[in-house]
Amino acid sequence: MFRRSWVVWASLLVAAAAHGQEMHDHGMPEKLGKVTFSISCDPKVQQPFDRAVALLHSFAYGPATQAFRDIAAADPHCAMAHWGIAMTYFHPVWAPALPPDTFAAGQKEMLEATRLGATTPREQQFIHALGELYKVDAGLTPAQRTLAYEKAMAELARSNPNDVEAQVFYAVALLSNAAPSDKTHARQKQAIDILEPLFRTHPDHPGIAHYLIHACDSAELAQRGLPAARKYASIAPSAPHALHMPSHIFTRLGLWNDSIQSNLASQASARAHGDTMGQLHAMDYLVYAYMQTGRAKEASAVVDAMRTMPSLDMEDFGIAYAATAMPIRVAVEQSHWADASAIKDASGAPPSVVAIAVWARGLGLARTGHAAEARQEANRLSQIATQLNAAGDTYWSVQTSVLADEVMAWSAQASGEPANAVRLLSAAADKEDALEKRPVTPGPILPAREQLGDLLLLQNQRAAALAAFRTTLAQSPGRAGALRGKALASP
C-alpha cells in the first residue's frame, strides 16, 4: 500500500545500538516488545536478531533492514540474516505487498540465504517459504507469489506447532491474501484464531498485537481487536507505527478521543524520527477523528501544519493520499461546497489520489448548482477508473468508479433528475459497501451510503433516508454526518 521514510530513525537506532545509549525522545530506553526467534547463527547475534524481528513486526522496515545487515556483517555465514533483509521488502498488509522497486533486492537476498544454507530444518522451512515469494520466475504474478508463500508458511506452522514465530508469521501471511471483496473475512478470522490464544500467553509480543489489529480492522471484527488496540502502544512505544495502529480499531468503533490521543502520540514520534509518511498517516486519521467530534478548528490546524512540511514526495502513495485527503475532509465534512469546488489536483500524485481531488471538486460544483461542470469532473473520474483498471489496479479502479457515480448523482439532482440521482447514488453505495477499505485511510471521505441519506432527506424521503443513515452508522459508528442525518430524518 505504501512505503515509509525511516532513514533518520534508522540512523538513531543504529547509533544507539552501537554506543549502548538510550535513544527514545523522552529519555526512555528503546522498547519494541518481547520477541524470541531462535537461530543457529553465532550466539553473539541472537539478541540483535530478536530486536530486528521486533522491528519487523512493527513495520519499521528501514531500521529492521539495517539491523539485519549488521547481523550479516557480524556473522557472514548467517543465512537467516539475509532472510530477514528479504522479509523487510515484503509488506504483507499494504498494497503492493511486493513493491516493484525493491523486489529485485529481495530476490538477491533470498539467493544469498539459499547459497549460505540453514543448519536446522526449521530455518530451512523459513527460507524455503520466503523463497516461494521471491522465486526467480518472471511469469508469476504477485498474487501467485503471496499465495505460494502462505501455503509454505502453513506447512511450517503445522510442522512447528509450539513455535510462536512460525505461527505469527503464518498469521500475517494469511492477511497478505485477504481480499477487500471478501466480506466474510475468512482469512482474517483464520489469523485471529491463531493470534488470540498467543496474545493471552505472550501479551508483550509486538507482532501478535499488531496483526490482531489489522485482522480486526472491519466493522464486523473490530470489537475483537479492542484488547490488542489497548495494549499495542505500550508494547512498542519506540515504534511510531505502534502508537498509531490502535486508532484503526478506535476508528471502527467510533472511539474518537482514543483515536485522537493515539494519533497525537504517533504524529509527534514520527516527526521526531523523520518518518514523513508515518507522520502524515497519523495526521490524516487525526483530522478524521477531530471532524467526528466537531473540532473543525483543531482539524484545520493539522492541515495548516501539513502545508508547512517541506518537500513532500507526492509520488509516494501514502504521503500523497494523506496530504490530499486532509483538506478535503475538512471541507466536505462541513458541507463547505464552495471550498470543495476550488480543490486543485495533487501535482505529481498517483492517479488514484488525483481522483480524490477531482471528486471533491465535482461534488462541490454539483452541490453549488453547477451541474454541467460537475459532469465534466465525473467523466474525468471515469477515465481515471479505466486507466487504473488497465494498469491492473482493480481495487482503486472500483473505488474511483464509485466517486464518479457520486458526482454524477449529485449532478443529476442539480439538473432536476431526482430519481436518476437516487439510482446512481444507490449503486455507488452498494459498490462501496462491497469492498473493505485499505489501511491507508480511516474510511471513505464521505461514505456513499451517508450521501444517499443526505440526498433522500433533501428529496423529503425521510423513511428511506433514516434507513440509509442507520446502515451507515452500523458500518461506521459515531460518524457525525450520519448522526446528524439520523436526527433530522427521525419521526
Protein backbone atom coordinates (compact mmCIF):
# COMPACT_ATOMS: atom_id res chain seq x y z
CA MET A 1 0.00 0.00 0.00
CA PHE A 2 2.66 2.48 0.83
CA ARG A 3 6.28 2.89 1.76
CA ARG A 4 7.79 4.57 4.79
CA SER A 5 10.65 7.01 5.18
CA TRP A 6 12.67 5.64 8.10
CA VAL A 7 16.13 6.99 7.29
CA VAL A 8 16.55 9.30 10.25
CA TRP A 9 15.02 6.80 12.66
CA ALA A 10 17.29 4.09 11.31
CA SER A 11 20.39 6.19 11.98
CA LEU A 12 19.21 6.94 15.50
CA LEU A 13 18.53 3.29 16.26
CA VAL A 14 21.86 2.10 14.86
CA ALA A 15 23.78 4.76 16.74
CA ALA A 16 22.02 3.85 19.97
CA ALA A 17 22.77 0.17 19.50
CA ALA A 18 26.42 0.84 18.69
CA HIS A 19 27.03 3.06 21.71
CA GLY A 20 24.68 1.42 24.20
CA GLN A 21 22.87 4.74 24.64
CA GLU A 22 19.21 5.48 25.27
CA MET A 23 17.58 6.67 22.06
CA HIS A 24 13.93 7.45 22.91
CA ASP A 25 12.98 11.09 22.66
CA HIS A 26 11.83 11.26 26.26
CA GLY A 27 14.94 9.67 27.77
CA MET A 28 13.39 6.22 27.83
CA PRO A 29 15.25 3.06 26.76
CA GLU A 30 14.28 1.60 23.42
CA LYS A 31 11.16 -0.52 23.86
CA LEU A 32 9.99 -2.71 20.97
CA GLY A 33 8.32 -5.61 22.79
CA LYS A 34 9.47 -9.13 23.58
CA VAL A 35 10.45 -11.39 20.69
CA THR A 36 12.37 -14.67 20.82
CA PHE A 37 13.31 -16.05 17.42
CA SER A 38 15.99 -18.70 17.97
CA ILE A 39 18.59 -19.05 15.21
CA SER A 40 21.65 -21.25 14.74
CA CYS A 41 23.97 -18.37 13.83
CA ASP A 42 26.78 -17.06 16.01
CA PRO A 43 25.34 -16.68 19.55
CA LYS A 44 26.54 -13.07 19.65
CA VAL A 45 23.91 -12.11 17.04
CA GLN A 46 20.94 -13.78 18.77
CA GLN A 47 19.85 -10.72 20.74
CA PRO A 48 20.31 -8.36 17.76
CA PHE A 49 18.29 -10.81 15.66
CA ASP A 50 15.42 -10.78 18.17
CA ARG A 51 15.50 -6.98 18.08
CA ALA A 52 15.50 -6.92 14.29
CA VAL A 53 12.45 -9.21 14.18
CA ALA A 54 10.71 -6.97 16.72
CA LEU A 55 11.32 -4.00 14.41
CA LEU A 56 9.96 -6.04 11.50
CA HIS A 57 6.80 -6.90 13.44
CA SER A 58 6.09 -3.18 13.91
CA PHE A 59 6.70 -2.49 10.20
CA ALA A 60 9.84 -0.48 10.98
CA TYR A 61 11.23 -1.69 7.70
CA GLY A 62 14.17 0.70 7.33
CA PRO A 63 15.62 0.13 10.81
CA ALA A 64 14.94 -3.61 10.51
CA THR A 65 16.84 -3.78 7.23
CA GLN A 66 19.84 -2.07 8.80
CA ALA A 67 19.66 -4.33 11.86
CA PHE A 68 19.66 -7.48 9.73
CA ARG A 69 22.53 -6.10 7.63
CA ASP A 70 24.53 -5.53 10.80
CA ILE A 71 23.91 -9.17 11.74
CA ALA A 72 25.08 -10.35 8.33
CA ALA A 73 28.25 -8.30 8.75
CA ALA A 74 28.85 -9.70 12.23
CA ASP A 75 28.27 -13.30 11.08
CA PRO A 76 28.86 -13.66 7.32
CA HIS A 77 27.59 -17.26 7.44
CA CYS A 78 24.17 -16.39 8.93
CA ALA A 79 21.62 -17.29 6.27
CA MET A 80 18.76 -16.03 8.44
CA ALA A 81 20.17 -12.51 8.37
CA HIS A 82 19.57 -12.45 4.61
CA TRP A 83 16.12 -13.98 5.15
CA GLY A 84 15.42 -11.06 7.47
CA ILE A 85 16.56 -8.45 4.94
CA ALA A 86 14.34 -10.03 2.28
CA MET A 87 11.40 -10.00 4.71
CA THR A 88 11.68 -6.23 5.06
CA TYR A 89 10.92 -5.87 1.35
CA PHE A 90 7.63 -7.75 1.80
CA HIS A 91 4.80 -5.54 3.11
CA PRO A 92 2.00 -8.05 3.71
CA VAL A 93 -0.98 -5.84 4.56
CA TRP A 94 -0.07 -2.93 2.29
CA ALA A 95 -0.50 -2.60 -1.44
CA PRO A 96 1.58 -3.51 -3.26
CA ALA A 97 2.79 -6.19 -0.89
CA LEU A 98 5.87 -6.63 -3.07
CA PRO A 99 6.94 -3.11 -4.09
CA PRO A 100 8.43 -3.29 -7.60
CA ASP A 101 11.35 -1.02 -6.75
CA THR A 102 12.67 -3.39 -4.06
CA PHE A 103 11.62 -6.77 -5.43
CA ALA A 104 14.98 -7.45 -7.12
CA ALA A 105 16.78 -6.63 -3.88
CA GLY A 106 14.60 -9.14 -2.05
CA GLN A 107 15.36 -11.82 -4.64
CA LYS A 108 19.09 -11.14 -4.28
CA GLU A 109 18.92 -11.60 -0.50
CA MET A 110 16.98 -14.85 -0.84
CA LEU A 111 19.53 -16.20 -3.30
CA GLU A 112 22.23 -15.42 -0.75
CA ALA A 113 20.25 -17.06 2.06
CA THR A 114 19.81 -20.16 -0.09
CA ARG A 115 23.50 -20.20 -1.02
CA LEU A 116 24.59 -19.99 2.61
CA GLY A 117 22.04 -22.58 3.68
CA ALA A 118 20.46 -23.08 7.09
CA THR A 119 21.60 -25.64 9.64
CA THR A 120 18.20 -26.56 11.12
CA PRO A 121 15.05 -27.91 9.43
CA ARG A 122 13.01 -25.02 10.89
CA GLU A 123 15.31 -22.38 9.41
CA GLN A 124 15.29 -24.26 6.11
CA GLN A 125 11.50 -24.04 6.10
CA PHE A 126 11.54 -20.28 6.75
CA ILE A 127 13.99 -19.79 3.89
CA HIS A 128 12.05 -22.12 1.58
CA ALA A 129 8.77 -20.31 2.29
CA LEU A 130 10.19 -16.88 1.55
CA GLY A 131 11.89 -18.34 -1.50
CA GLU A 132 8.40 -19.08 -2.85
CA LEU A 133 7.64 -15.38 -2.58
CA TYR A 134 10.82 -14.36 -4.41
CA LYS A 135 11.08 -17.26 -6.85
CA VAL A 136 13.02 -16.37 -10.00
CA ASP A 137 10.15 -16.78 -12.45
CA ALA A 138 9.03 -13.75 -14.44
CA GLY A 139 5.71 -15.44 -15.23
CA LEU A 140 4.47 -15.38 -11.63
CA THR A 141 2.09 -12.63 -10.57
CA PRO A 142 2.37 -11.03 -7.12
CA ALA A 143 -0.86 -12.76 -6.09
CA GLN A 144 0.55 -16.15 -7.08
CA ARG A 145 3.69 -15.40 -5.09
CA THR A 146 1.87 -14.42 -1.90
CA LEU A 147 -0.41 -17.46 -2.17
CA ALA A 148 2.59 -19.76 -2.58
CA TYR A 149 4.22 -18.12 0.43
CA GLU A 150 1.05 -18.56 2.50
CA LYS A 151 0.91 -22.24 1.58
CA ALA A 152 4.54 -22.79 2.56
CA MET A 153 4.04 -20.92 5.83
CA ALA A 154 1.00 -23.07 6.59
CA GLU A 155 3.22 -26.15 6.34
CA LEU A 156 5.88 -24.52 8.53
CA ALA A 157 3.27 -23.67 11.16
CA ARG A 158 1.92 -27.23 11.11
CA SER A 159 5.43 -28.62 11.49
CA ASN A 160 6.24 -26.29 14.38
CA PRO A 161 3.01 -26.01 16.39
CA ASN A 162 4.73 -24.68 19.51
CA ASP A 163 6.92 -22.16 17.70
CA VAL A 164 5.47 -18.71 18.32
CA GLU A 165 7.25 -17.03 15.41
CA ALA A 166 6.13 -19.74 12.98
CA GLN A 167 2.52 -19.14 13.99
CA VAL A 168 2.79 -15.34 13.93
CA PHE A 169 4.44 -15.19 10.51
CA TYR A 170 1.83 -17.61 9.17
CA ALA A 171 -0.95 -15.39 10.51
CA VAL A 172 0.37 -12.33 8.72
CA ALA A 173 0.87 -14.41 5.56
CA LEU A 174 -2.87 -15.09 5.69
CA LEU A 175 -3.56 -11.36 5.95
CA SER A 176 -1.45 -10.72 2.85
CA ASN A 177 -4.05 -12.63 0.84
CA ALA A 178 -7.20 -11.25 2.49
CA ALA A 179 -9.20 -9.82 -0.39
CA PRO A 180 -11.04 -6.49 0.17
CA SER A 181 -14.00 -8.03 -1.66
CA ASP A 182 -14.33 -10.91 0.83
CA LYS A 183 -16.83 -9.53 3.31
CA THR A 184 -16.86 -12.86 5.16
CA HIS A 185 -13.31 -12.00 6.33
CA ALA A 186 -12.36 -15.66 6.11
CA ARG A 187 -8.59 -15.21 6.19
CA GLN A 188 -8.81 -12.54 8.86
CA LYS A 189 -10.79 -14.89 11.08
CA GLN A 190 -8.28 -17.67 10.49
CA ALA A 191 -5.48 -15.32 11.52
CA ILE A 192 -7.41 -14.18 14.60
CA ASP A 193 -7.93 -17.79 15.68
CA ILE A 194 -4.14 -18.22 15.60
CA LEU A 195 -3.27 -14.92 17.26
CA GLU A 196 -5.84 -14.59 20.06
CA PRO A 197 -4.55 -17.56 22.11
CA LEU A 198 -0.98 -16.36 21.58
CA PHE A 199 -1.94 -12.88 22.78
CA ARG A 200 -3.09 -14.36 26.08
CA THR A 201 0.21 -16.19 26.62
CA HIS A 202 2.55 -13.61 25.04
CA PRO A 203 0.94 -10.24 25.83
CA ASP A 204 4.15 -8.27 25.11
CA HIS A 205 4.84 -9.65 21.64
CA PRO A 206 4.58 -6.75 19.16
CA GLY A 207 3.60 -8.80 16.11
CA ILE A 208 0.73 -10.59 17.82
CA ALA A 209 -0.95 -7.36 18.93
CA HIS A 210 -0.16 -5.58 15.66
CA TYR A 211 -1.51 -8.29 13.39
CA LEU A 212 -4.60 -8.75 15.54
CA ILE A 213 -5.43 -5.10 14.94
CA HIS A 214 -5.01 -5.50 11.18
CA ALA A 215 -7.05 -8.72 11.19
CA CYS A 216 -9.86 -6.99 13.11
CA ASP A 217 -9.92 -3.80 11.02
CA SER A 218 -13.51 -4.18 9.86
CA ALA A 219 -16.93 -3.31 11.21
CA GLU A 220 -17.65 -6.99 11.86
CA LEU A 221 -14.48 -7.80 13.80
CA ALA A 222 -13.38 -4.52 15.39
CA GLN A 223 -14.63 -5.37 18.88
CA ARG A 224 -12.37 -8.45 18.93
CA GLY A 225 -9.41 -6.20 18.20
CA LEU A 226 -10.00 -3.80 21.09
CA PRO A 227 -7.83 -5.63 23.69
CA ALA A 228 -4.88 -5.60 21.28
CA ALA A 229 -5.54 -1.95 20.47
CA ARG A 230 -5.48 -1.08 24.15
CA LYS A 231 -2.15 -2.90 24.55
CA TYR A 232 0.00 -2.42 21.44
CA ALA A 233 1.20 1.14 22.07
CA SER A 234 2.58 0.15 25.48
CA ILE A 235 4.32 -2.90 23.99
CA ALA A 236 6.40 -0.99 21.44
CA PRO A 237 6.29 2.74 22.22
CA SER A 238 9.62 3.23 20.41
CA ALA A 239 7.84 2.49 17.12
CA PRO A 240 5.69 5.38 15.80
CA HIS A 241 3.54 2.84 13.92
CA ALA A 242 2.72 1.06 17.18
CA LEU A 243 1.46 4.33 18.61
CA HIS A 244 -0.81 4.83 15.60
CA MET A 245 -2.17 1.34 14.94
CA PRO A 246 -4.67 1.24 17.85
CA SER A 247 -6.55 4.07 16.13
CA HIS A 248 -7.58 1.66 13.36
CA ILE A 249 -9.78 -0.11 15.91
CA PHE A 250 -10.78 3.09 17.70
CA THR A 251 -11.95 4.50 14.35
CA ARG A 252 -14.01 1.40 13.59
CA LEU A 253 -15.75 1.67 16.97
CA GLY A 254 -16.22 5.44 16.99
CA LEU A 255 -13.89 5.91 19.97
CA TRP A 256 -12.81 9.32 18.77
CA ASN A 257 -10.99 10.63 21.82
CA ASP A 258 -8.93 7.45 21.99
CA SER A 259 -8.11 7.82 18.31
CA ILE A 260 -7.09 11.45 18.81
CA GLN A 261 -4.71 10.60 21.63
CA SER A 262 -3.25 7.69 19.68
CA ASN A 263 -2.53 9.80 16.63
CA LEU A 264 -1.21 12.80 18.52
CA ALA A 265 1.40 10.49 20.06
CA SER A 266 2.19 8.83 16.74
CA GLN A 267 2.44 12.13 14.90
CA ALA A 268 4.93 13.52 17.42
CA SER A 269 7.00 10.33 17.44
CA ALA A 270 7.07 10.02 13.66
CA ARG A 271 8.10 13.66 13.30
CA ALA A 272 10.94 13.16 15.80
CA HIS A 273 12.10 10.07 13.91
CA GLY A 274 11.97 11.68 10.48
CA ASP A 275 9.16 9.39 9.33
CA THR A 276 7.23 11.68 6.99
CA MET A 277 4.77 9.09 5.74
CA GLY A 278 4.04 7.87 9.26
CA GLN A 279 3.54 11.43 10.43
CA LEU A 280 1.09 12.24 7.63
CA HIS A 281 -0.76 8.95 8.07
CA ALA A 282 -1.34 9.76 11.74
CA MET A 283 -2.36 13.31 10.85
CA ASP A 284 -4.98 12.07 8.38
CA TYR A 285 -6.53 9.78 11.00
CA LEU A 286 -6.33 12.70 13.45
CA VAL A 287 -8.21 15.04 11.10
CA TYR A 288 -10.87 12.37 10.59
CA ALA A 289 -11.36 11.94 14.35
CA TYR A 290 -11.39 15.68 15.01
CA MET A 291 -14.11 16.17 12.40
CA GLN A 292 -16.30 13.50 14.01
CA THR A 293 -16.14 15.33 17.34
CA GLY A 294 -16.94 18.76 15.89
CA ARG A 295 -13.39 20.02 16.40
CA ALA A 296 -13.01 21.60 12.98
CA LYS A 297 -10.62 24.25 14.29
CA GLU A 298 -8.17 21.60 15.50
CA ALA A 299 -8.56 19.67 12.24
CA SER A 300 -7.79 22.80 10.24
CA ALA A 301 -4.70 23.39 12.39
CA VAL A 302 -3.46 19.91 11.44
CA VAL A 303 -3.98 20.75 7.76
CA ASP A 304 -2.10 24.03 8.22
CA ALA A 305 0.79 22.13 9.85
CA MET A 306 0.85 19.72 6.92
CA ARG A 307 1.17 22.62 4.49
CA THR A 308 4.33 23.81 6.25
CA MET A 309 6.06 20.44 5.84
CA PRO A 310 8.82 20.77 3.22
CA SER A 311 9.43 18.65 0.15
CA LEU A 312 6.56 16.16 0.36
CA ASP A 313 7.15 13.31 -2.08
CA MET A 314 3.81 13.24 -3.86
CA GLU A 315 4.88 10.22 -5.90
CA ASP A 316 4.73 8.21 -2.65
CA PHE A 317 1.15 6.95 -2.43
CA GLY A 318 0.92 7.11 1.38
CA ILE A 319 2.24 10.67 1.54
CA ALA A 320 0.13 11.84 -1.40
CA TYR A 321 -3.06 10.24 -0.09
CA ALA A 322 -2.87 11.81 3.36
CA ALA A 323 -1.77 15.24 2.10
CA THR A 324 -4.60 15.31 -0.44
CA ALA A 325 -7.34 13.84 1.75
CA MET A 326 -6.91 16.01 4.85
CA PRO A 327 -8.08 19.39 3.50
CA ILE A 328 -10.83 17.67 1.54
CA ARG A 329 -12.12 16.00 4.72
CA VAL A 330 -12.33 19.38 6.45
CA ALA A 331 -14.28 20.92 3.56
CA VAL A 332 -16.78 18.17 2.78
CA GLU A 333 -17.47 17.11 6.38
CA GLN A 334 -18.70 20.68 6.96
CA SER A 335 -20.57 20.90 3.63
CA HIS A 336 -18.33 23.76 2.56
CA TRP A 337 -19.11 23.11 -1.08
CA ALA A 338 -17.58 26.28 -2.47
CA ASP A 339 -14.29 25.32 -0.81
CA ALA A 340 -14.58 21.81 -2.23
CA SER A 341 -15.19 23.15 -5.74
CA ALA A 342 -11.89 25.05 -5.53
CA ILE A 343 -9.76 22.00 -4.67
CA LYS A 344 -6.77 21.65 -7.01
CA ASP A 345 -5.31 18.43 -8.37
CA ALA A 346 -2.40 17.00 -6.40
CA SER A 347 0.57 17.61 -8.67
CA GLY A 348 2.67 14.51 -9.26
CA ALA A 349 0.37 12.23 -7.26
CA PRO A 350 -0.72 8.74 -8.40
CA PRO A 351 -3.98 8.68 -10.41
CA SER A 352 -5.93 7.12 -7.52
CA VAL A 353 -5.00 10.13 -5.37
CA VAL A 354 -5.68 12.68 -8.11
CA ALA A 355 -9.15 11.12 -8.29
CA ILE A 356 -9.93 12.25 -4.75
CA ALA A 357 -9.29 15.88 -5.66
CA VAL A 358 -11.34 15.56 -8.86
CA TRP A 359 -14.18 14.04 -6.82
CA ALA A 360 -14.11 16.83 -4.24
CA ARG A 361 -14.20 19.45 -6.96
CA GLY A 362 -17.03 17.70 -8.80
CA LEU A 363 -19.04 17.25 -5.63
CA GLY A 364 -18.57 20.91 -4.74
CA LEU A 365 -19.65 22.02 -8.21
CA ALA A 366 -22.74 19.81 -8.16
CA ARG A 367 -23.77 20.90 -4.67
CA THR A 368 -23.47 24.57 -5.68
CA GLY A 369 -25.67 24.09 -8.75
CA HIS A 370 -23.03 23.76 -11.48
CA ALA A 371 -24.34 20.50 -12.91
CA ALA A 372 -22.63 20.61 -16.30
CA GLU A 373 -19.21 21.37 -14.84
CA ALA A 374 -19.71 18.59 -12.28
CA ARG A 375 -20.46 16.10 -15.06
CA GLN A 376 -17.13 17.00 -16.66
CA GLU A 377 -15.37 16.06 -13.43
CA ALA A 378 -17.38 12.81 -13.26
CA ASN A 379 -16.28 11.97 -16.81
CA ARG A 380 -12.69 12.55 -15.81
CA LEU A 381 -13.15 10.20 -12.86
CA SER A 382 -14.48 7.54 -15.20
CA GLN A 383 -11.39 7.98 -17.36
CA ILE A 384 -9.12 7.59 -14.32
CA ALA A 385 -11.03 4.45 -13.29
CA THR A 386 -10.48 2.99 -16.77
CA GLN A 387 -6.79 3.90 -16.59
CA LEU A 388 -6.41 2.21 -13.20
CA ASN A 389 -8.21 -0.90 -14.38
CA ALA A 390 -5.95 -1.15 -17.44
CA ALA A 391 -2.94 -0.92 -15.13
CA GLY A 392 -4.26 -3.85 -13.08
CA ASP A 393 -5.26 -1.77 -10.05
CA THR A 394 -8.75 -3.21 -9.71
CA TYR A 395 -9.34 -2.02 -6.15
CA TRP A 396 -8.73 1.67 -6.79
CA SER A 397 -10.44 1.43 -10.16
CA VAL A 398 -13.65 0.35 -8.43
CA GLN A 399 -13.27 2.99 -5.74
CA THR A 400 -12.77 5.68 -8.38
CA SER A 401 -15.85 4.50 -10.27
CA VAL A 402 -17.77 4.93 -7.00
CA LEU A 403 -16.56 8.52 -6.84
CA ALA A 404 -17.67 9.07 -10.44
CA ASP A 405 -21.15 7.73 -9.68
CA GLU A 406 -21.42 10.01 -6.64
CA VAL A 407 -20.60 13.12 -8.64
CA MET A 408 -22.99 12.07 -11.42
CA ALA A 409 -25.72 11.51 -8.84
CA TRP A 410 -25.41 14.98 -7.35
CA SER A 411 -25.18 16.46 -10.83
CA ALA A 412 -28.45 14.71 -11.68
CA GLN A 413 -30.05 16.13 -8.55
CA ALA A 414 -28.86 19.61 -9.53
CA SER A 415 -30.31 19.05 -13.03
CA GLY A 416 -33.76 18.21 -11.71
CA GLU A 417 -33.47 14.42 -12.09
CA PRO A 418 -34.14 13.17 -8.53
CA ALA A 419 -34.94 9.56 -9.44
CA ASN A 420 -31.78 9.23 -11.50
CA ALA A 421 -29.78 10.77 -8.65
CA VAL A 422 -31.09 8.17 -6.19
CA ARG A 423 -30.40 5.35 -8.66
CA LEU A 424 -26.80 6.45 -9.22
CA LEU A 425 -26.04 7.05 -5.56
CA SER A 426 -27.67 3.77 -4.50
CA ALA A 427 -25.45 1.92 -6.98
CA ALA A 428 -22.40 3.78 -5.68
CA ALA A 429 -23.26 2.85 -2.09
CA ASP A 430 -23.72 -0.81 -2.98
CA LYS A 431 -20.32 -0.91 -4.72
CA GLU A 432 -18.58 0.85 -1.85
CA ASP A 433 -20.18 -1.39 0.77
CA ALA A 434 -18.96 -4.48 -1.11
CA LEU A 435 -15.30 -3.58 -0.54
CA GLU A 436 -13.29 -3.18 2.66
CA LYS A 437 -11.23 -0.03 3.00
CA ARG A 438 -7.44 -0.12 2.70
CA PRO A 439 -5.40 0.62 5.85
CA VAL A 440 -4.15 3.84 4.22
CA THR A 441 -7.43 5.57 5.10
CA PRO A 442 -9.70 5.74 8.16
CA GLY A 443 -12.61 5.39 5.78
CA PRO A 444 -14.28 6.95 2.74
CA ILE A 445 -14.02 10.71 2.93
CA LEU A 446 -17.81 10.88 2.72
CA PRO A 447 -19.44 7.43 2.72
CA ALA A 448 -21.71 6.87 -0.26
CA ARG A 449 -24.46 5.47 1.99
CA GLU A 450 -24.35 8.61 4.11
CA GLN A 451 -24.55 10.73 0.96
CA LEU A 452 -27.57 8.70 -0.11
CA GLY A 453 -29.21 9.56 3.20
CA ASP A 454 -28.49 13.24 2.61
CA LEU A 455 -29.93 13.02 -0.91
CA LEU A 456 -33.10 11.24 0.24
CA LEU A 457 -33.55 13.74 3.05
CA LEU A 458 -33.21 16.57 0.52
CA GLN A 459 -35.96 14.88 -1.50
CA ASN A 460 -38.12 14.57 1.64
CA GLN A 461 -37.94 10.75 1.58
CA ARG A 462 -37.46 10.65 5.33
CA ALA A 463 -38.02 6.94 5.99
CA ALA A 464 -35.59 5.87 3.28
CA ALA A 465 -33.09 8.47 4.46
CA LEU A 466 -33.33 7.18 8.03
CA ALA A 467 -32.59 3.65 6.83
CA ALA A 468 -29.52 4.88 4.92
CA PHE A 469 -28.17 6.73 7.95
CA ARG A 470 -28.74 3.73 10.20
CA THR A 471 -26.86 1.50 7.79
CA THR A 472 -24.01 4.00 7.70
CA LEU A 473 -23.80 4.05 11.48
CA ALA A 474 -23.81 0.26 11.65
CA GLN A 475 -20.77 0.24 9.38
CA SER A 476 -19.11 3.37 10.82
CA PRO A 477 -20.30 4.03 14.38
CA GLY A 478 -20.18 7.61 15.56
CA ARG A 479 -19.91 9.34 12.19
CA ALA A 480 -21.04 12.90 12.83
CA GLY A 481 -22.78 13.41 9.48
CA ALA A 482 -24.78 10.21 9.80
CA LEU A 483 -25.76 11.06 13.37
CA ARG A 484 -27.00 14.49 12.28
CA GLY A 485 -28.85 12.97 9.35
CA LYS A 486 -30.46 10.34 11.55
CA ALA A 487 -31.71 13.02 13.93
CA LEU A 488 -33.18 15.07 11.06
CA ALA A 489 -34.81 12.04 9.43
CA SER A 490 -36.27 10.55 12.61
CA PRO A 491 -40.04 10.97 13.17
